[in-house]
Amino acid sequence: HVVTFYELNPTPFNVNFESTSPPIVILSPNYGRGNYPNDVNNFTLTIRSNSEPLVLVFYFRHFDLEYQRVCAFDDLSLQGIKYCGTWETGRSIPFYLPEFSSFVVTFKTDHSVTRSGFE
């Protein structure tokens, strides 16, 4: 599955996950074609677990968002934790998701400075 945040606006996207589910790829708007746009607000992906807990591992092939110390301008938020800046290829971030729970991924940008985004 490929989930592009640009396609999510204005309706949030929900996906139910199990341990046997195939991986999904989350792309910032315009990823691979240019920089993400300004004024992206609350594009949201909600991942839901079923009857078994999950370990979600977010693996980044590319990550380049406007940097600010507390990610106040542009950010990718994983369960409320904001990420921004530029990372080396291959960074991974694991999260534990209990059974019958939700995990929220959001992306937002401000009115200036854009970068290449994330995959």
Protein backbone atom coordinates (compact mmCIF):
# COMPACT_ATOMS: atom_id res chain seq x y z
CA HIS A 1 0.00 0.00 0.00
CA VAL A 2 1.22 3.52 -0.73
CA VAL A 3 -0.32 6.31 1.32
CA THR A 4 0.43 9.80 0.05
CA PHE A 5 -0.62 12.51 2.47
CA TYR A 6 -1.48 14.78 -0.43
CA GLU A 7 -4.28 12.39 -1.38
CA LEU A 8 -5.69 12.37 2.16
CA ASN A 9 -6.90 15.95 2.19
CA PRO A 10 -9.50 16.69 3.44
CA THR A 11 -10.61 13.24 4.61
CA PRO A 12 -8.45 11.44 7.21
CA PHE A 13 -7.28 7.97 6.19
CA ASN A 14 -7.76 4.94 8.46
CA VAL A 15 -6.13 1.53 8.17
CA ASN A 16 -6.58 -1.58 10.33
CA PHE A 17 -3.35 -3.49 10.91
CA GLU A 18 -2.49 -7.03 11.97
CA SER A 19 0.90 -8.68 12.38
CA THR A 20 0.46 -10.25 8.92
CA SER A 21 -0.45 -6.97 7.19
CA PRO A 22 1.88 -5.85 4.40
CA PRO A 23 3.95 -2.74 5.06
CA ILE A 24 2.64 0.64 3.96
CA VAL A 25 4.67 3.47 2.49
CA ILE A 26 3.86 6.98 3.66
CA LEU A 27 4.95 9.80 1.38
CA SER A 28 4.82 13.54 1.92
CA PRO A 29 2.93 15.54 -0.73
CA ASN A 30 4.88 15.82 -4.01
CA TYR A 31 7.59 13.45 -2.75
CA GLY A 32 9.82 12.47 -5.68
CA ARG A 33 8.34 15.24 -7.86
CA GLY A 34 9.35 18.34 -5.88
CA ASN A 35 9.05 19.94 -2.48
CA TYR A 36 5.97 19.55 -0.29
CA PRO A 37 3.61 22.57 -0.35
CA ASN A 38 3.08 25.30 2.23
CA ASP A 39 0.03 25.39 4.50
CA VAL A 40 -0.56 21.65 4.83
CA ASN A 41 -2.70 21.23 7.94
CA ASN A 42 -3.47 18.05 9.81
CA PHE A 43 -3.21 15.46 7.07
CA THR A 44 -3.88 12.39 9.19
CA LEU A 45 -3.38 8.64 8.99
CA THR A 46 -4.81 6.53 11.82
CA ILE A 47 -3.48 2.99 12.23
CA ARG A 48 -5.65 0.66 14.32
CA SER A 49 -4.66 -2.66 15.85
CA ASN A 50 -7.10 -5.52 16.21
CA SER A 51 -7.00 -8.35 18.76
CA GLU A 52 -3.20 -8.48 19.07
CA PRO A 53 -0.60 -5.86 20.00
CA LEU A 54 1.74 -4.61 17.30
CA VAL A 55 5.20 -3.14 17.05
CA LEU A 56 5.09 -0.42 14.41
CA VAL A 57 8.47 0.40 12.91
CA PHE A 58 8.72 3.59 10.89
CA TYR A 59 11.70 3.22 8.55
CA PHE A 60 12.74 6.33 6.64
CA ARG A 61 14.42 6.06 3.26
CA HIS A 62 14.43 9.85 3.08
CA PHE A 63 13.55 12.58 5.60
CA ASP A 64 14.00 16.29 4.93
CA LEU A 65 11.64 18.77 6.65
CA GLU A 66 12.24 22.38 7.64
CA TYR A 67 14.20 22.34 10.89
CA GLN A 68 13.30 24.29 14.01
CA ARG A 69 14.40 23.22 17.49
CA VAL A 70 10.90 22.24 18.67
CA CYS A 71 9.52 21.51 15.16
CA ALA A 72 7.17 24.51 15.33
CA PHE A 73 7.03 25.08 11.55
CA ASP A 74 6.85 21.80 9.58
CA ASP A 75 6.57 18.40 11.23
CA LEU A 76 5.70 14.76 10.93
CA SER A 77 4.04 13.71 14.17
CA LEU A 78 4.03 10.07 15.28
CA GLN A 79 1.56 9.58 18.14
CA GLY A 80 2.02 13.21 19.19
CA ILE A 81 5.84 13.25 18.98
CA LYS A 82 7.00 15.82 16.42
CA TYR A 83 9.90 15.17 14.04
CA CYS A 84 11.60 17.62 11.66
CA GLY A 85 15.00 18.38 10.13
CA THR A 86 17.14 16.19 7.90
CA TRP A 87 18.09 12.58 8.68
CA GLU A 88 20.41 10.05 7.14
CA THR A 89 18.82 7.25 5.16
CA GLY A 90 17.77 4.26 7.21
CA ARG A 91 16.62 5.83 10.47
CA SER A 92 13.93 3.74 12.10
CA ILE A 93 11.61 4.53 14.99
CA PRO A 94 9.67 1.70 16.71
CA PHE A 95 6.41 2.14 18.61
CA TYR A 96 4.39 -0.38 20.61
CA LEU A 97 0.65 -0.41 19.86
CA PRO A 98 -1.52 -2.40 22.31
CA GLU A 99 -4.43 -4.48 21.03
CA PHE A 100 -7.58 -2.55 20.02
CA SER A 101 -5.69 0.75 19.99
CA SER A 102 -5.07 3.61 17.57
CA PHE A 103 -1.84 5.25 16.43
CA VAL A 104 -2.06 8.66 14.76
CA VAL A 105 0.36 10.01 12.16
CA THR A 106 -0.02 13.66 11.08
CA PHE A 107 1.85 15.98 8.75
CA LYS A 108 1.69 19.78 8.81
CA THR A 109 3.58 22.67 7.26
CA ASP A 110 3.58 26.43 7.77
CA HIS A 111 3.36 29.26 5.20
CA SER A 112 7.04 29.37 4.15
CA VAL A 113 10.15 27.21 3.50
CA THR A 114 9.53 23.81 1.94
CA ARG A 115 11.84 20.82 1.51
CA SER A 116 11.85 17.49 -0.30
CA GLY A 117 9.80 15.67 2.38
CA PHE A 118 9.84 12.05 3.43
CA GLU A 119 9.34 8.43 2.39
